[in-house]
Amino acid sequence: MSDRPIDMGIWSAQEVRETTRRLASVREAALCGGLPATAPRAVIGESWRRVLGRGVDPDRDRRERPLTVEELEHRRHGSQLATLLPLFNTGLLPAADAAQQIMVVTDAEGRVLWREGCAQVRRMADRHGFEKGADWSEDVVGTNAIGTALVARRPVLVHSAEHFVRTHHPWTCAAAPLHDPRDGRLLGIVDVSGPAHTFHPTTLSLVTAVARLAECELRDRHHSALDRLRASAAPVLARLGGQALAVDKDGWTAAVTGLAPPDRVALPKSPGAGPLWLPRYGMCTLEPLPGGWLIRVGGPGQEPLASRVLLDLGSRNRPAVTLTCAAGSWTHELSPRHAEVLFVLARRPEGRSAADLAQDLFGDRARTVTVRAELSRLRRHLASVLAHRPYRFADGVDVELRLPPHPVDLLPHSTAPAVVAARGA
């Protein structure tokens, strides 16, 4: 027996046929619970174990209802990826079309928002339910480049019989995740798919490069928008006394006066002009600016204290924390590391020292400097509900932890020992 993974590097036509045959035998052995002569690649083996646990049928397509036209247009309109379509069409579509492939862009849930490319391959995709509005997550269609990249949070190639469902074996797909460069939030997937025999081994590198270029484009646009807001806000801030901030519509800071500049201010989802309580600054006054808001810190009224925290880890792609008090509710999407920290604190209400958290997150009690830096950043958003010495949720705060239905889906990208142990509980 050999546990050497199958090499997915450079393929000749003969190598493609041989690799496909070997992959089919590896898959059959895995489904039967046996030991294959050659081990699947780690990303594929992990995906197979996940979808086996969820009861995906390895021999038959399972197709969820696609989005309606209205639902599809709503998701397209709300997606940051819509503005990147010209870049995808220039960087990927010509190569995909010439190679008899299709280019697909999905949202963070694996729903196909856009699909372009070779007409013949689009018709083939239709027969598999690989259409606009389709759900291409692992839970529905098993191991595939889109769904597996959503879980792994990294570029993934799935070739032929590496697909869990047998009817997908004629296909090879390469997908890369797209993240919001401001906070690391997963936005969706860009993918190139097509018949296995037409696939070129450099396709994954091309898809990955275009995805990184798209993220750079989003970063440049963000910085340009903040520059424009800063120019508009400068004369206003110069005339003000006290403390004030100019932030964009998502709370990212363009300029401040009278206080240290935070990276971002946690705003309600639909803020309006007038008095507003903010978790970090207490009572404030919000005034509109071109492209954002002016926040005047300090205002009339007693500052309400947050009384409830909902830590929502039920979605594999969008962990978030919601603070509720008498003045309203505020939701803050979490980075992967901050989601891990809050998960540990929610599970250990008695609190954790910096060394304890270093063990929980890294398996190394010596990494206390990293832990303190992460908690410092986290407290910028949640200072009213987080205490320290030891680190914990503050007394009197009701904490609700919302977990996914299947333990294996808990922060699936995380390697933190505390999270890994909880997945196996």
Protein backbone atom coordinates (compact mmCIF):
# COMPACT_ATOMS: atom_id res chain seq x y z
CA MET A 1 0.00 0.00 0.00
CA SER A 2 1.11 3.55 -0.72
CA ASP A 3 -0.24 6.70 0.91
CA ARG A 4 1.44 8.99 -1.62
CA PRO A 5 -1.20 11.48 -2.86
CA ILE A 6 -2.00 11.65 -6.53
CA ASP A 7 0.00 14.45 -8.16
CA MET A 8 -2.26 17.05 -9.78
CA GLY A 9 0.58 18.93 -11.45
CA ILE A 10 1.43 18.79 -15.14
CA TRP A 11 -0.72 16.42 -17.17
CA SER A 12 -0.29 15.00 -20.64
CA ALA A 13 -3.34 13.50 -22.36
CA GLN A 14 -2.18 10.03 -21.31
CA GLU A 15 -1.60 11.23 -17.74
CA VAL A 16 -5.13 12.66 -17.64
CA ARG A 17 -6.62 9.28 -18.56
CA GLU A 18 -4.41 7.40 -16.11
CA THR A 19 -5.08 9.89 -13.29
CA THR A 20 -8.83 9.68 -13.90
CA ARG A 21 -8.72 5.88 -13.71
CA ARG A 22 -6.70 5.95 -10.48
CA LEU A 23 -8.97 8.55 -8.91
CA ALA A 24 -12.02 6.40 -9.63
CA SER A 25 -10.46 3.46 -7.79
CA VAL A 26 -9.44 5.69 -4.87
CA ARG A 27 -13.01 7.02 -4.59
CA GLU A 28 -14.54 3.54 -4.70
CA ALA A 29 -12.22 2.34 -1.94
CA ALA A 30 -13.05 5.39 0.19
CA LEU A 31 -16.79 4.86 -0.22
CA CYS A 32 -16.45 1.21 0.78
CA GLY A 33 -14.42 2.07 3.85
CA GLY A 34 -11.30 0.39 2.50
CA LEU A 35 -7.70 1.57 2.18
CA PRO A 36 -6.96 2.87 -1.33
CA ALA A 37 -3.64 2.03 -2.95
CA THR A 38 -3.05 5.77 -3.35
CA ALA A 39 -4.29 8.34 -0.85
CA PRO A 40 -6.52 11.18 -2.08
CA ARG A 41 -5.18 14.68 -1.73
CA ALA A 42 -5.81 16.05 1.78
CA VAL A 43 -8.34 18.68 0.66
CA ILE A 44 -10.31 16.01 -1.23
CA GLY A 45 -10.17 13.39 1.53
CA GLU A 46 -11.41 15.91 4.09
CA SER A 47 -14.26 16.93 1.79
CA TRP A 48 -15.27 13.31 1.14
CA ARG A 49 -15.48 12.72 4.89
CA ARG A 50 -17.66 15.80 5.34
CA VAL A 51 -20.15 14.94 2.61
CA LEU A 52 -20.32 11.28 3.65
CA GLY A 53 -21.34 12.49 7.09
CA ARG A 54 -24.10 14.62 5.58
CA GLY A 55 -25.63 11.81 3.59
CA VAL A 56 -24.92 13.10 0.08
CA ASP A 57 -25.75 10.38 -2.48
CA PRO A 58 -22.50 9.45 -4.31
CA ASP A 59 -24.35 8.08 -7.33
CA ARG A 60 -27.08 10.60 -8.02
CA ASP A 61 -27.41 14.37 -8.41
CA ARG A 62 -29.33 16.18 -5.73
CA ARG A 63 -30.74 19.44 -7.04
CA GLU A 64 -32.18 22.17 -4.88
CA ARG A 65 -34.63 24.65 -6.31
CA PRO A 66 -32.65 27.39 -8.08
CA LEU A 67 -33.24 30.99 -7.15
CA THR A 68 -36.14 32.73 -8.82
CA VAL A 69 -35.35 35.53 -11.24
CA GLU A 70 -36.29 38.06 -8.56
CA GLU A 71 -34.12 36.36 -5.91
CA LEU A 72 -31.20 36.11 -8.33
CA GLU A 73 -31.39 39.79 -9.27
CA HIS A 74 -31.62 40.78 -5.61
CA ARG A 75 -28.44 38.85 -4.77
CA ARG A 76 -26.64 40.22 -7.79
CA HIS A 77 -27.58 43.77 -6.88
CA GLY A 78 -26.32 43.34 -3.32
CA SER A 79 -23.04 41.64 -4.25
CA GLN A 80 -19.72 43.49 -4.25
CA LEU A 81 -18.66 41.08 -6.99
CA ALA A 82 -20.98 42.72 -9.52
CA THR A 83 -18.50 45.56 -10.00
CA LEU A 84 -15.71 43.04 -10.70
CA LEU A 85 -17.41 41.35 -13.67
CA PRO A 86 -15.47 43.44 -16.25
CA LEU A 87 -12.21 42.25 -14.66
CA PHE A 88 -13.35 38.61 -14.71
CA ASN A 89 -14.57 38.94 -18.28
CA THR A 90 -11.18 40.31 -19.35
CA GLY A 91 -8.93 38.11 -17.23
CA LEU A 92 -10.69 34.73 -17.36
CA LEU A 93 -13.48 34.53 -19.88
CA PRO A 94 -11.40 34.55 -23.12
CA ALA A 95 -9.17 31.72 -21.85
CA ALA A 96 -12.16 29.73 -20.57
CA ASP A 97 -14.07 30.16 -23.82
CA ALA A 98 -11.10 29.17 -25.98
CA ALA A 99 -10.53 26.03 -23.88
CA GLN A 100 -14.21 25.00 -24.02
CA GLN A 101 -14.78 25.92 -20.40
CA ILE A 102 -17.22 28.17 -18.57
CA MET A 103 -16.59 30.91 -16.01
CA VAL A 104 -18.83 30.95 -12.92
CA VAL A 105 -19.15 33.49 -10.10
CA THR A 106 -21.04 32.55 -6.92
CA ASP A 107 -21.93 34.27 -3.68
CA ALA A 108 -20.62 33.21 -0.27
CA GLU A 109 -23.35 30.56 0.04
CA GLY A 110 -22.39 28.86 -3.23
CA ARG A 111 -25.32 30.22 -5.27
CA VAL A 112 -24.40 30.72 -8.93
CA LEU A 113 -24.87 34.43 -9.70
CA TRP A 114 -23.20 34.69 -13.10
CA ARG A 115 -22.15 32.10 -15.70
CA GLU A 116 -20.50 32.78 -19.05
CA GLY A 117 -18.40 30.90 -21.60
CA CYS A 118 -18.60 28.18 -24.22
CA ALA A 119 -22.24 27.70 -25.31
CA GLN A 120 -21.89 23.93 -25.72
CA VAL A 121 -20.47 23.56 -22.21
CA ARG A 122 -23.22 25.78 -20.78
CA ARG A 123 -25.77 23.37 -22.22
CA MET A 124 -23.87 20.45 -20.66
CA ALA A 125 -23.88 22.31 -17.33
CA ASP A 126 -27.64 22.84 -17.59
CA ARG A 127 -28.14 19.08 -17.73
CA HIS A 128 -26.31 18.80 -14.39
CA GLY A 129 -28.32 21.61 -12.82
CA PHE A 130 -25.22 23.83 -12.93
CA GLU A 131 -27.28 26.87 -13.88
CA LYS A 132 -27.76 30.45 -12.71
CA GLY A 133 -29.26 30.48 -9.23
CA ALA A 134 -28.20 26.89 -8.46
CA ASP A 135 -26.83 25.93 -5.04
CA TRP A 136 -23.34 24.51 -5.57
CA SER A 137 -22.37 24.03 -1.92
CA GLU A 138 -20.91 20.75 -0.65
CA ASP A 139 -24.09 19.99 1.30
CA VAL A 140 -26.05 19.80 -1.95
CA VAL A 141 -23.68 18.52 -4.66
CA GLY A 142 -20.84 16.98 -2.66
CA THR A 143 -17.16 17.58 -3.28
CA ASN A 144 -16.69 20.20 -6.01
CA ALA A 145 -14.32 23.10 -6.52
CA ILE A 146 -16.84 25.81 -5.61
CA GLY A 147 -18.33 24.20 -2.51
CA THR A 148 -15.00 22.84 -1.26
CA ALA A 149 -13.24 26.19 -1.75
CA LEU A 150 -16.00 27.83 0.30
CA VAL A 151 -15.20 25.50 3.20
CA ALA A 152 -11.41 25.38 2.81
CA ARG A 153 -11.15 29.16 2.18
CA ARG A 154 -8.42 28.60 -0.39
CA PRO A 155 -8.11 27.81 -4.13
CA VAL A 156 -9.18 24.28 -4.98
CA LEU A 157 -8.93 22.07 -8.06
CA VAL A 158 -11.31 19.09 -8.30
CA HIS A 159 -10.56 16.74 -11.17
CA SER A 160 -12.89 14.06 -12.54
CA ALA A 161 -13.51 11.29 -9.96
CA GLU A 162 -12.40 13.57 -7.13
CA HIS A 163 -15.99 14.83 -7.38
CA PHE A 164 -18.02 12.92 -4.81
CA VAL A 165 -21.07 12.48 -7.03
CA ARG A 166 -20.45 10.08 -9.90
CA THR A 167 -22.37 12.10 -12.51
CA HIS A 168 -19.86 14.95 -12.08
CA HIS A 169 -16.84 12.81 -13.00
CA PRO A 170 -16.67 14.06 -16.62
CA TRP A 171 -15.89 17.55 -15.22
CA THR A 172 -12.83 19.29 -13.85
CA CYS A 173 -13.19 22.59 -11.97
CA ALA A 174 -10.82 25.20 -10.51
CA ALA A 175 -12.13 27.74 -8.00
CA ALA A 176 -10.69 30.49 -5.81
CA PRO A 177 -12.40 32.33 -2.95
CA LEU A 178 -12.84 36.10 -3.04
CA HIS A 179 -12.48 38.01 0.22
CA ASP A 180 -13.30 41.57 1.21
CA PRO A 181 -9.80 43.05 1.64
CA ARG A 182 -11.06 45.35 4.39
CA ASP A 183 -12.01 42.66 6.89
CA GLY A 184 -11.37 39.27 5.28
CA ARG A 185 -15.09 38.49 4.91
CA LEU A 186 -15.82 35.83 2.28
CA LEU A 187 -17.66 37.38 -0.70
CA GLY A 188 -17.94 34.41 -3.03
CA ILE A 189 -16.10 32.25 -5.53
CA VAL A 190 -14.78 32.60 -9.06
CA ASP A 191 -14.53 29.30 -10.92
CA VAL A 192 -13.62 27.83 -14.28
CA SER A 193 -15.26 24.49 -15.12
CA GLY A 194 -15.56 22.19 -18.08
CA PRO A 195 -14.98 18.72 -19.54
CA ALA A 196 -12.04 17.01 -17.88
CA HIS A 197 -10.29 16.24 -21.16
CA THR A 198 -10.17 19.96 -22.12
CA PHE A 199 -8.78 21.18 -18.82
CA HIS A 200 -5.27 22.70 -18.66
CA PRO A 201 -3.18 22.18 -15.50
CA THR A 202 -2.37 25.91 -15.23
CA THR A 203 -6.04 26.89 -14.95
CA LEU A 204 -6.02 26.91 -11.16
CA SER A 205 -3.05 29.30 -11.16
CA LEU A 206 -4.88 31.60 -13.58
CA VAL A 207 -8.09 31.58 -11.53
CA THR A 208 -6.13 32.25 -8.34
CA ALA A 209 -4.20 35.14 -9.91
CA VAL A 210 -7.38 36.78 -11.20
CA ALA A 211 -9.04 36.38 -7.78
CA ARG A 212 -6.10 38.10 -6.09
CA LEU A 213 -6.19 40.86 -8.71
CA ALA A 214 -9.90 41.34 -8.00
CA GLU A 215 -9.22 41.69 -4.28
CA CYS A 216 -6.54 44.30 -5.03
CA GLU A 217 -9.07 46.17 -7.15
CA LEU A 218 -11.54 46.22 -4.25
CA ARG A 219 -8.80 47.47 -1.91
CA ASP A 220 -7.87 50.29 -4.30
CA ARG A 221 -11.50 51.36 -4.65
CA HIS A 222 -11.91 51.38 -0.87
CA HIS A 223 -8.87 53.59 -0.39
CA SER A 224 -10.00 55.96 -3.16
CA ALA A 225 -13.46 56.27 -1.60
CA LEU A 226 -11.94 57.05 1.81
CA ASP A 227 -9.70 59.69 0.20
CA ARG A 228 -12.74 61.41 -1.33
CA LEU A 229 -14.60 61.27 1.98
CA ARG A 230 -11.55 62.62 3.82
CA ALA A 231 -11.38 65.59 1.45
CA SER A 232 -15.08 66.35 2.00
CA ALA A 233 -14.86 65.97 5.77
CA ALA A 234 -11.63 67.94 6.36
CA PRO A 235 -13.17 71.44 6.45
CA VAL A 236 -16.04 70.22 8.65
CA LEU A 237 -13.72 68.57 11.17
CA ALA A 238 -11.46 71.64 11.21
CA ARG A 239 -14.34 73.79 12.50
CA LEU A 240 -15.47 71.37 15.20
CA GLY A 241 -14.46 71.29 18.82
CA GLY A 242 -14.44 68.07 20.81
CA GLN A 243 -14.30 64.59 19.36
CA ALA A 244 -15.63 63.55 15.95
CA LEU A 245 -15.07 61.02 13.19
CA ALA A 246 -15.81 60.84 9.48
CA VAL A 247 -16.63 57.28 8.43
CA ASP A 248 -17.95 55.67 5.26
CA LYS A 249 -21.35 53.98 5.10
CA ASP A 250 -19.82 50.75 6.49
CA GLY A 251 -18.08 52.51 9.37
CA TRP A 252 -14.53 52.57 7.98
CA THR A 253 -12.69 55.63 9.26
CA ALA A 254 -11.58 58.38 6.88
CA ALA A 255 -10.64 61.13 9.37
CA VAL A 256 -10.91 62.01 13.05
CA THR A 257 -10.41 64.92 15.39
CA GLY A 258 -9.83 64.85 19.12
CA LEU A 259 -9.31 61.10 19.55
CA ALA A 260 -7.24 58.16 18.35
CA PRO A 261 -8.40 56.93 14.92
CA PRO A 262 -10.00 53.47 14.94
CA ASP A 263 -9.95 51.33 11.81
CA ARG A 264 -13.72 50.98 11.88
CA VAL A 265 -16.75 52.00 13.91
CA ALA A 266 -19.54 49.46 14.41
CA LEU A 267 -22.67 51.09 12.94
CA PRO A 268 -26.23 49.74 12.80
CA LYS A 269 -27.20 48.16 9.48
CA SER A 270 -29.42 51.10 8.52
CA PRO A 271 -28.27 54.15 10.50
CA GLY A 272 -30.11 57.45 10.35
CA ALA A 273 -29.22 61.02 11.25
CA GLY A 274 -29.68 61.97 14.90
CA PRO A 275 -28.76 60.62 18.36
CA LEU A 276 -27.22 57.17 18.34
CA TRP A 277 -25.58 54.92 20.90
CA LEU A 278 -22.42 53.20 19.66
CA PRO A 279 -20.77 50.33 21.55
CA ARG A 280 -17.36 52.01 21.65
CA TYR A 281 -18.24 55.68 22.14
CA GLY A 282 -21.57 55.74 23.94
CA MET A 283 -24.09 58.43 22.98
CA CYS A 284 -23.21 60.19 19.73
CA THR A 285 -24.85 62.29 17.03
CA LEU A 286 -24.85 61.12 13.41
CA GLU A 287 -24.86 63.60 10.51
CA PRO A 288 -24.71 62.75 6.79
CA LEU A 289 -21.62 63.45 4.68
CA PRO A 290 -21.08 62.76 0.96
CA GLY A 291 -20.20 59.06 0.95
CA GLY A 292 -20.54 58.51 4.67
CA TRP A 293 -21.30 59.93 8.11
CA LEU A 294 -20.00 62.49 10.57
CA ILE A 295 -20.05 61.06 14.09
CA ARG A 296 -19.97 63.62 16.92
CA VAL A 297 -18.94 61.79 20.08
CA GLY A 298 -20.96 62.69 23.18
CA GLY A 299 -24.59 63.63 23.36
CA PRO A 300 -27.62 63.91 25.58
CA GLY A 301 -29.03 60.95 27.43
CA GLN A 302 -27.76 58.16 29.63
CA GLU A 303 -25.56 55.60 27.96
CA PRO A 304 -27.39 52.24 27.81
CA LEU A 305 -25.35 49.18 28.60
CA ALA A 306 -25.44 46.13 26.33
CA SER A 307 -27.45 43.42 28.06
CA ARG A 308 -27.32 40.58 25.52
CA VAL A 309 -24.74 39.12 23.13
CA LEU A 310 -25.60 36.66 20.34
CA LEU A 311 -22.55 34.89 18.93
CA ASP A 312 -23.79 33.36 15.68
CA LEU A 313 -21.48 30.63 14.34
CA GLY A 314 -24.33 28.76 12.65
CA SER A 315 -23.21 29.85 9.19
CA ARG A 316 -19.93 28.40 7.97
CA ASN A 317 -19.18 31.55 5.98
CA ARG A 318 -20.39 34.52 8.03
CA PRO A 319 -19.70 34.38 11.78
CA ALA A 320 -21.10 37.47 13.52
CA VAL A 321 -21.80 38.92 16.94
CA THR A 322 -24.91 40.98 17.76
CA LEU A 323 -25.09 43.32 20.77
CA THR A 324 -28.51 44.29 22.13
CA CYS A 325 -29.36 47.04 24.60
CA ALA A 326 -32.23 49.40 25.29
CA ALA A 327 -31.13 51.65 22.41
CA GLY A 328 -31.19 48.90 19.78
CA SER A 329 -29.07 46.15 18.26
CA TRP A 330 -25.76 46.19 16.40
CA THR A 331 -24.26 43.34 14.39
CA HIS A 332 -20.53 43.04 13.75
CA GLU A 333 -19.16 40.43 11.34
CA LEU A 334 -16.15 38.63 12.77
CA SER A 335 -12.79 37.76 11.35
CA PRO A 336 -11.89 34.05 11.59
CA ARG A 337 -9.56 34.68 14.54
CA HIS A 338 -12.04 36.83 16.46
CA ALA A 339 -14.73 34.19 15.91
CA GLU A 340 -12.39 31.63 17.52
CA VAL A 341 -11.68 33.92 20.50
CA LEU A 342 -15.34 34.64 21.20
CA PHE A 343 -16.25 30.97 20.81
CA VAL A 344 -13.75 30.03 23.51
CA LEU A 345 -14.97 32.80 25.84
CA ALA A 346 -18.61 31.81 25.31
CA ARG A 347 -17.78 28.20 26.17
CA ARG A 348 -15.67 29.21 29.20
CA PRO A 349 -17.72 31.86 31.06
CA GLU A 350 -15.35 31.76 34.03
CA GLY A 351 -12.73 33.41 31.80
CA ARG A 352 -9.36 32.57 30.31
CA SER A 353 -5.91 33.99 30.90
CA ALA A 354 -3.74 35.05 27.98
CA ALA A 355 -1.77 31.80 28.32
CA ASP A 356 -4.99 29.76 28.40
CA LEU A 357 -6.22 31.43 25.20
CA ALA A 358 -2.83 30.91 23.55
CA GLN A 359 -3.22 27.19 24.24
CA ASP A 360 -6.84 27.23 23.01
CA LEU A 361 -6.02 29.05 19.77
CA PHE A 362 -2.48 27.95 18.90
CA GLY A 363 -1.65 24.98 21.09
CA ASP A 364 1.21 27.05 22.52
CA ARG A 365 0.88 28.79 25.90
CA ALA A 366 3.85 31.04 25.08
CA ARG A 367 2.01 33.02 22.38
CA THR A 368 0.50 35.50 24.84
CA VAL A 369 1.66 38.59 22.91
CA THR A 370 -0.40 37.52 19.89
CA VAL A 371 -3.41 36.83 22.10
CA ARG A 372 -3.24 40.23 23.80
CA ALA A 373 -2.97 41.97 20.44
CA GLU A 374 -6.05 40.14 19.12
CA LEU A 375 -8.06 40.94 22.27
CA SER A 376 -7.04 44.59 22.04
CA ARG A 377 -8.40 44.75 18.49
CA LEU A 378 -11.55 42.90 19.48
CA ARG A 379 -12.22 45.21 22.44
CA ARG A 380 -12.27 48.18 20.07
CA HIS A 381 -15.64 46.91 18.90
CA LEU A 382 -16.87 45.09 22.01
CA ALA A 383 -15.35 46.93 24.97
CA SER A 384 -18.74 47.28 26.66
CA VAL A 385 -19.24 43.49 26.92
CA LEU A 386 -15.68 42.14 27.29
CA ALA A 387 -13.79 42.15 30.56
CA HIS A 388 -10.17 41.22 31.26
CA ARG A 389 -8.03 39.72 34.03
CA PRO A 390 -9.15 37.12 33.07
CA TYR A 391 -10.60 37.65 29.59
CA ARG A 392 -14.33 36.93 29.68
CA PHE A 393 -17.76 38.32 28.88
CA ALA A 394 -18.69 41.02 31.40
CA ASP A 395 -20.88 40.25 34.39
CA GLY A 396 -24.59 40.76 33.76
CA VAL A 397 -24.35 40.15 30.01
CA ASP A 398 -26.55 37.35 28.69
CA VAL A 399 -24.53 35.38 26.12
CA GLU A 400 -26.17 33.10 23.55
CA LEU A 401 -23.97 30.85 21.41
CA ARG A 402 -25.55 29.70 18.15
CA LEU A 403 -23.79 26.66 16.65
CA PRO A 404 -24.24 24.89 13.28
CA PRO A 405 -26.50 21.79 13.21
CA HIS A 406 -23.51 19.56 12.44
CA PRO A 407 -20.45 19.93 14.74
CA VAL A 408 -18.12 19.32 11.77
CA ASP A 409 -19.33 22.65 10.30
CA LEU A 410 -18.11 24.70 13.27
CA LEU A 411 -15.65 27.26 11.82
CA PRO A 412 -14.46 24.63 9.33
CA HIS A 413 -11.40 26.63 8.26
CA SER A 414 -10.12 26.85 11.85
CA THR A 415 -7.17 24.84 13.15
CA ALA A 416 -7.46 26.17 16.73
CA PRO A 417 -7.23 23.21 19.15
CA ALA A 418 -10.33 24.34 21.07
CA VAL A 419 -12.40 24.46 17.88
CA VAL A 420 -11.04 21.17 16.53
CA ALA A 421 -11.91 19.48 19.84
CA ALA A 422 -15.44 20.93 19.76
CA ARG A 423 -16.01 19.58 16.23
CA GLY A 424 -15.37 16.08 17.53
CA ALA A 425 -17.61 16.46 20.58
